[in-house]
């Protein structure tokens, strides 16, 4: 396979990946995303454990959200979330983390029910 050459450029005020020698297939994009994620996970500084104060997060709205939930042999939970740009993202939660997630989602749902809908 020929190496894929990519440059990060600013186009109309947005950073874009521009491929200079080939147009990758969907499978090649998936492989690159996976490889970039593994590489980012191995370099310093690591991704912060907490969201930095004042950090702007780009929220991605899914028109057709999908999730799958499973259980590992050790009792931990697996949550697979489909992201239309990055594919399926898997998260493994030990019992304490699973409880934290459940409590947070329940509290958010209860909080949302108590507030009037701004329509």
N, C-alpha and C. Protein backbone atom coordinates (compact mmCIF):
# COMPACT_ATOMS: atom_id res chain seq x y z
N UNK A 1 0.84 -1.18 0.00
CA UNK A 1 0.00 0.00 0.00
C UNK A 1 0.89 1.25 0.00
N UNK A 2 0.54 2.19 -0.82
CA UNK A 2 1.28 3.45 -0.90
C UNK A 2 1.02 4.27 0.37
N UNK A 3 2.07 4.90 0.94
CA UNK A 3 1.85 5.75 2.11
C UNK A 3 0.87 6.87 1.79
N UNK A 4 0.06 7.21 2.75
CA UNK A 4 -0.90 8.30 2.59
C UNK A 4 -0.28 9.55 3.19
N UNK A 5 -0.18 10.59 2.38
CA UNK A 5 0.40 11.85 2.84
C UNK A 5 -0.74 12.82 3.16
N UNK A 6 -0.67 13.38 4.35
CA UNK A 6 -1.74 14.28 4.79
C UNK A 6 -1.12 15.53 5.40
N UNK A 7 -1.75 16.66 5.13
CA UNK A 7 -1.32 17.93 5.69
C UNK A 7 -2.50 18.54 6.45
N UNK A 8 -2.21 19.21 7.54
CA UNK A 8 -3.23 19.93 8.29
C UNK A 8 -3.20 21.37 7.80
N UNK A 9 -4.30 21.81 7.19
CA UNK A 9 -4.39 23.16 6.62
C UNK A 9 -5.62 23.86 7.17
N UNK A 10 -5.55 25.20 7.13
CA UNK A 10 -6.71 25.99 7.50
C UNK A 10 -7.45 26.35 6.22
N UNK A 11 -8.72 25.95 6.15
CA UNK A 11 -9.56 26.22 4.99
C UNK A 11 -10.82 26.90 5.49
N UNK A 12 -11.04 28.12 5.02
CA UNK A 12 -12.22 28.91 5.45
C UNK A 12 -12.33 28.99 6.96
N UNK A 13 -11.20 29.17 7.63
CA UNK A 13 -11.19 29.34 9.08
C UNK A 13 -11.28 28.05 9.88
N UNK A 14 -11.30 26.90 9.21
CA UNK A 14 -11.36 25.61 9.91
C UNK A 14 -10.16 24.77 9.53
N UNK A 15 -9.63 24.03 10.52
CA UNK A 15 -8.54 23.12 10.23
C UNK A 15 -9.09 21.89 9.54
N UNK A 16 -8.45 21.53 8.44
CA UNK A 16 -8.88 20.38 7.64
C UNK A 16 -7.67 19.50 7.36
N UNK A 17 -7.91 18.20 7.27
CA UNK A 17 -6.90 17.26 6.82
C UNK A 17 -6.99 17.22 5.30
N UNK A 18 -5.88 17.52 4.64
CA UNK A 18 -5.85 17.54 3.18
C UNK A 18 -4.89 16.45 2.73
N UNK A 19 -5.39 15.53 1.92
CA UNK A 19 -4.57 14.43 1.43
C UNK A 19 -3.92 14.86 0.13
N UNK A 20 -2.61 14.68 0.05
CA UNK A 20 -1.87 15.24 -1.07
C UNK A 20 -1.55 14.25 -2.17
N UNK A 21 -1.70 12.95 -1.92
CA UNK A 21 -1.31 12.01 -2.97
C UNK A 21 -2.38 10.97 -3.31
N UNK A 22 -3.34 10.75 -2.45
CA UNK A 22 -4.42 9.79 -2.72
C UNK A 22 -5.68 10.24 -2.00
N UNK A 23 -6.80 9.69 -2.41
CA UNK A 23 -8.05 9.89 -1.67
C UNK A 23 -8.30 8.60 -0.91
N UNK A 24 -8.20 8.63 0.43
CA UNK A 24 -8.36 7.40 1.21
C UNK A 24 -9.77 6.82 1.11
N UNK A 25 -9.85 5.52 1.26
CA UNK A 25 -11.14 4.84 1.33
C UNK A 25 -11.68 5.00 2.75
N UNK A 26 -12.95 4.65 2.94
CA UNK A 26 -13.55 4.70 4.28
C UNK A 26 -12.77 3.80 5.24
N UNK A 27 -12.37 2.63 4.76
CA UNK A 27 -11.60 1.71 5.60
C UNK A 27 -10.26 2.32 6.00
N UNK A 28 -9.61 3.00 5.08
CA UNK A 28 -8.33 3.64 5.40
C UNK A 28 -8.53 4.78 6.40
N UNK A 29 -9.62 5.53 6.27
CA UNK A 29 -9.92 6.56 7.27
C UNK A 29 -10.07 5.92 8.65
N UNK A 30 -10.83 4.83 8.74
CA UNK A 30 -11.02 4.14 10.01
C UNK A 30 -9.69 3.70 10.60
N UNK A 31 -8.81 3.15 9.76
CA UNK A 31 -7.49 2.70 10.22
C UNK A 31 -6.66 3.88 10.71
N UNK A 32 -6.72 5.01 10.00
CA UNK A 32 -5.96 6.19 10.42
C UNK A 32 -6.48 6.75 11.74
N UNK A 33 -7.80 6.81 11.90
CA UNK A 33 -8.38 7.31 13.14
C UNK A 33 -7.93 6.43 14.31
N UNK A 34 -7.99 5.13 14.14
CA UNK A 34 -7.57 4.19 15.18
C UNK A 34 -6.09 4.38 15.49
N UNK A 35 -5.25 4.48 14.46
CA UNK A 35 -3.81 4.64 14.66
C UNK A 35 -3.49 5.98 15.34
N UNK A 36 -4.18 7.05 14.93
CA UNK A 36 -3.96 8.35 15.56
C UNK A 36 -4.37 8.32 17.04
N UNK A 37 -5.47 7.65 17.35
CA UNK A 37 -5.90 7.53 18.74
C UNK A 37 -4.89 6.79 19.59
N UNK A 38 -4.37 5.67 19.07
CA UNK A 38 -3.35 4.91 19.81
C UNK A 38 -2.09 5.76 20.02
N UNK A 39 -1.69 6.49 18.96
CA UNK A 39 -0.50 7.32 19.07
C UNK A 39 -0.71 8.43 20.09
N UNK A 40 -1.87 9.10 20.02
CA UNK A 40 -2.14 10.18 20.98
C UNK A 40 -2.16 9.66 22.41
N UNK A 41 -2.67 8.46 22.61
CA UNK A 41 -2.71 7.88 23.95
C UNK A 41 -1.35 7.56 24.52
N UNK A 42 -0.33 7.48 23.66
CA UNK A 42 1.00 7.09 24.11
C UNK A 42 1.96 8.26 24.26
N UNK A 43 1.56 9.48 23.92
CA UNK A 43 2.50 10.60 23.98
C UNK A 43 2.20 11.49 25.18
N UNK A 44 3.19 12.32 25.52
CA UNK A 44 3.07 13.27 26.61
C UNK A 44 2.83 14.66 26.06
N UNK A 45 2.10 15.51 26.72
CA UNK A 45 1.34 15.19 27.93
C UNK A 45 0.11 14.36 27.59
N UNK A 46 -0.38 13.57 28.55
CA UNK A 46 -1.57 12.77 28.27
C UNK A 46 -2.81 13.66 28.15
N UNK A 47 -3.86 13.08 27.62
CA UNK A 47 -5.15 13.78 27.60
C UNK A 47 -5.52 14.04 29.06
N UNK A 48 -5.88 15.27 29.43
CA UNK A 48 -6.20 15.56 30.83
C UNK A 48 -7.34 14.68 31.35
N UNK A 49 -7.22 14.25 32.61
CA UNK A 49 -8.26 13.44 33.23
C UNK A 49 -9.53 14.27 33.47
N UNK A 50 -9.36 15.56 33.69
CA UNK A 50 -10.50 16.46 33.91
C UNK A 50 -10.57 17.46 32.77
N UNK A 51 -11.78 17.88 32.45
CA UNK A 51 -11.96 18.88 31.41
C UNK A 51 -11.34 20.19 31.89
N UNK A 52 -10.39 20.75 31.14
CA UNK A 52 -9.76 22.01 31.57
C UNK A 52 -10.78 23.13 31.68
N UNK A 53 -10.64 23.95 32.70
CA UNK A 53 -11.54 25.08 32.92
C UNK A 53 -11.52 26.01 31.72
N UNK A 54 -12.70 26.36 31.25
CA UNK A 54 -12.82 27.27 30.12
C UNK A 54 -12.56 26.64 28.77
N UNK A 55 -12.31 25.34 28.74
CA UNK A 55 -12.03 24.65 27.47
C UNK A 55 -13.31 24.55 26.65
N UNK A 56 -13.26 24.99 25.41
CA UNK A 56 -14.41 24.90 24.52
C UNK A 56 -14.47 23.51 23.91
N UNK A 57 -15.56 22.82 24.12
CA UNK A 57 -15.75 21.48 23.56
C UNK A 57 -16.74 21.59 22.41
N UNK A 58 -16.36 21.02 21.28
CA UNK A 58 -17.26 20.99 20.15
C UNK A 58 -18.22 19.83 20.35
N UNK A 59 -19.49 20.14 20.53
CA UNK A 59 -20.49 19.10 20.71
C UNK A 59 -20.95 18.62 19.34
N UNK A 60 -21.05 17.33 19.22
CA UNK A 60 -21.49 16.73 17.97
C UNK A 60 -22.90 16.19 18.17
N UNK A 61 -23.83 16.66 17.39
CA UNK A 61 -25.22 16.22 17.51
C UNK A 61 -25.45 15.05 16.56
N UNK A 62 -25.86 13.94 17.12
CA UNK A 62 -26.14 12.74 16.32
C UNK A 62 -27.61 12.73 15.93
N UNK A 63 -27.89 12.63 14.64
CA UNK A 63 -29.27 12.55 14.18
C UNK A 63 -29.88 11.19 14.51
N UNK A 64 -29.06 10.17 14.51
CA UNK A 64 -29.54 8.81 14.80
C UNK A 64 -28.58 8.16 15.79
N UNK A 65 -28.64 8.58 17.07
CA UNK A 65 -27.69 8.03 18.04
C UNK A 65 -27.87 6.53 18.22
N UNK A 66 -26.76 5.85 18.41
CA UNK A 66 -26.77 4.41 18.63
C UNK A 66 -25.83 4.09 19.77
N UNK A 67 -26.21 3.12 20.55
CA UNK A 67 -25.36 2.65 21.64
C UNK A 67 -25.62 1.16 21.85
N UNK A 68 -24.61 0.48 22.28
CA UNK A 68 -24.71 -0.93 22.65
C UNK A 68 -24.10 -1.07 24.03
N UNK A 69 -24.72 -1.88 24.87
CA UNK A 69 -24.23 -2.10 26.22
C UNK A 69 -23.98 -3.59 26.40
N UNK A 70 -22.85 -3.90 27.01
CA UNK A 70 -22.50 -5.30 27.24
C UNK A 70 -21.80 -5.46 28.58
N UNK A 71 -21.42 -6.69 28.86
CA UNK A 71 -20.77 -6.99 30.14
C UNK A 71 -19.56 -7.87 29.87
N UNK A 72 -18.45 -7.56 30.51
CA UNK A 72 -17.24 -8.37 30.41
C UNK A 72 -17.31 -9.50 31.44
N UNK A 73 -16.46 -10.50 31.28
CA UNK A 73 -16.44 -11.63 32.21
C UNK A 73 -16.10 -11.21 33.63
N UNK A 74 -15.34 -10.13 33.80
CA UNK A 74 -14.97 -9.66 35.14
C UNK A 74 -16.07 -8.82 35.78
N UNK A 75 -17.21 -8.64 35.10
CA UNK A 75 -18.33 -7.88 35.65
C UNK A 75 -18.36 -6.42 35.25
N UNK A 76 -17.31 -5.94 34.59
CA UNK A 76 -17.31 -4.55 34.16
C UNK A 76 -18.29 -4.38 32.99
N UNK A 77 -18.77 -3.17 32.85
CA UNK A 77 -19.72 -2.85 31.77
C UNK A 77 -18.97 -2.28 30.58
N UNK A 78 -19.49 -2.56 29.39
CA UNK A 78 -18.94 -2.01 28.17
C UNK A 78 -20.03 -1.17 27.51
N UNK A 79 -19.70 0.06 27.21
CA UNK A 79 -20.61 0.96 26.53
C UNK A 79 -19.99 1.31 25.19
N UNK A 80 -20.68 0.98 24.11
CA UNK A 80 -20.23 1.30 22.76
C UNK A 80 -21.14 2.41 22.24
N UNK A 81 -20.54 3.54 21.86
CA UNK A 81 -21.28 4.67 21.32
C UNK A 81 -20.88 4.88 19.87
N UNK A 82 -21.88 5.06 19.01
CA UNK A 82 -21.60 5.31 17.60
C UNK A 82 -21.48 6.80 17.37
N UNK A 83 -20.35 7.20 16.83
CA UNK A 83 -20.11 8.59 16.45
C UNK A 83 -20.03 8.61 14.93
N UNK A 84 -20.83 9.45 14.29
CA UNK A 84 -20.90 9.41 12.83
C UNK A 84 -19.60 9.83 12.16
N UNK A 85 -18.70 10.46 12.87
CA UNK A 85 -17.41 10.84 12.28
C UNK A 85 -16.29 9.88 12.67
N UNK A 86 -16.32 9.36 13.90
CA UNK A 86 -15.21 8.55 14.40
C UNK A 86 -15.52 7.07 14.50
N UNK A 87 -16.73 6.68 14.18
CA UNK A 87 -17.09 5.27 14.25
C UNK A 87 -17.54 4.87 15.65
N UNK A 88 -17.42 3.59 15.93
CA UNK A 88 -17.84 3.07 17.23
C UNK A 88 -16.72 3.28 18.24
N UNK A 89 -17.06 3.91 19.36
CA UNK A 89 -16.11 4.17 20.43
C UNK A 89 -16.50 3.32 21.63
N UNK A 90 -15.56 2.57 22.15
CA UNK A 90 -15.85 1.67 23.25
C UNK A 90 -15.28 2.17 24.56
N UNK A 91 -16.09 2.04 25.62
CA UNK A 91 -15.68 2.44 26.96
C UNK A 91 -15.97 1.29 27.92
N UNK A 92 -14.98 0.92 28.70
CA UNK A 92 -15.14 -0.15 29.69
C UNK A 92 -15.19 0.50 31.07
N UNK A 93 -16.25 0.20 31.83
CA UNK A 93 -16.47 0.80 33.13
C UNK A 93 -16.42 -0.26 34.23
N UNK A 94 -15.49 -0.09 35.17
CA UNK A 94 -15.49 -0.92 36.37
C UNK A 94 -16.70 -0.51 37.20
N UNK A 95 -17.01 -1.27 38.25
CA UNK A 95 -18.23 -1.04 39.02
C UNK A 95 -18.35 0.39 39.54
N UNK A 96 -17.30 0.95 40.15
CA UNK A 96 -17.38 2.32 40.68
C UNK A 96 -17.65 3.34 39.57
N UNK A 97 -16.98 3.17 38.45
CA UNK A 97 -17.18 4.09 37.34
C UNK A 97 -18.59 3.96 36.77
N UNK A 98 -19.08 2.73 36.70
CA UNK A 98 -20.44 2.48 36.20
C UNK A 98 -21.45 3.17 37.12
N UNK A 99 -21.28 3.05 38.43
CA UNK A 99 -22.19 3.69 39.39
C UNK A 99 -22.15 5.20 39.23
N UNK A 100 -20.95 5.76 39.04
CA UNK A 100 -20.80 7.20 38.86
C UNK A 100 -21.56 7.66 37.62
N UNK A 101 -21.42 6.91 36.53
CA UNK A 101 -22.09 7.26 35.28
C UNK A 101 -23.61 7.19 35.44
N UNK A 102 -24.10 6.12 36.03
CA UNK A 102 -25.55 5.95 36.23
C UNK A 102 -26.10 7.07 37.10
N UNK A 103 -25.43 7.35 38.22
CA UNK A 103 -25.90 8.41 39.12
C UNK A 103 -25.91 9.77 38.42
N UNK A 104 -24.89 10.03 37.62
CA UNK A 104 -24.82 11.30 36.90
C UNK A 104 -25.93 11.44 35.87
N UNK A 105 -26.20 10.38 35.12
CA UNK A 105 -27.27 10.42 34.12
C UNK A 105 -28.65 10.55 34.76
N UNK A 106 -28.86 9.84 35.86
CA UNK A 106 -30.14 9.94 36.58
C UNK A 106 -30.33 11.35 37.12
N UNK A 107 -29.29 11.91 37.75
CA UNK A 107 -29.39 13.26 38.30
C UNK A 107 -29.67 14.27 37.19
N UNK A 108 -29.04 14.11 36.04
CA UNK A 108 -29.26 15.02 34.92
C UNK A 108 -30.69 14.90 34.41
N UNK A 109 -31.20 13.67 34.30
CA UNK A 109 -32.57 13.46 33.82
C UNK A 109 -33.58 14.07 34.80
N UNK A 110 -33.34 13.88 36.09
CA UNK A 110 -34.26 14.44 37.10
C UNK A 110 -34.21 15.96 37.06
N UNK A 111 -33.02 16.51 36.89
CA UNK A 111 -32.85 17.96 36.82
C UNK A 111 -33.57 18.52 35.60
N UNK A 112 -33.48 17.81 34.47
CA UNK A 112 -34.14 18.26 33.24
C UNK A 112 -35.65 18.24 33.38
N UNK A 113 -36.20 17.29 34.14
CA UNK A 113 -37.65 17.20 34.34
C UNK A 113 -38.17 18.36 35.19
N UNK A 114 -37.33 18.90 36.04
CA UNK A 114 -37.75 19.97 36.95
C UNK A 114 -37.71 21.35 36.30
N UNK A 115 -36.99 21.47 35.19
CA UNK A 115 -36.85 22.76 34.52
C UNK A 115 -37.85 22.84 33.37
N UNK A 116 -38.47 24.01 33.18
CA UNK A 116 -39.37 24.15 32.03
C UNK A 116 -38.61 24.08 30.73
N UNK A 117 -39.25 23.55 29.70
CA UNK A 117 -38.66 23.41 28.38
C UNK A 117 -38.61 24.77 27.70
N UNK A 118 -37.41 25.26 27.31
CA UNK A 118 -37.30 26.62 26.71
C UNK A 118 -37.70 26.64 25.24
N UNK A 119 -38.98 26.45 24.93
CA UNK A 119 -39.42 26.47 23.53
C UNK A 119 -40.21 27.70 23.23
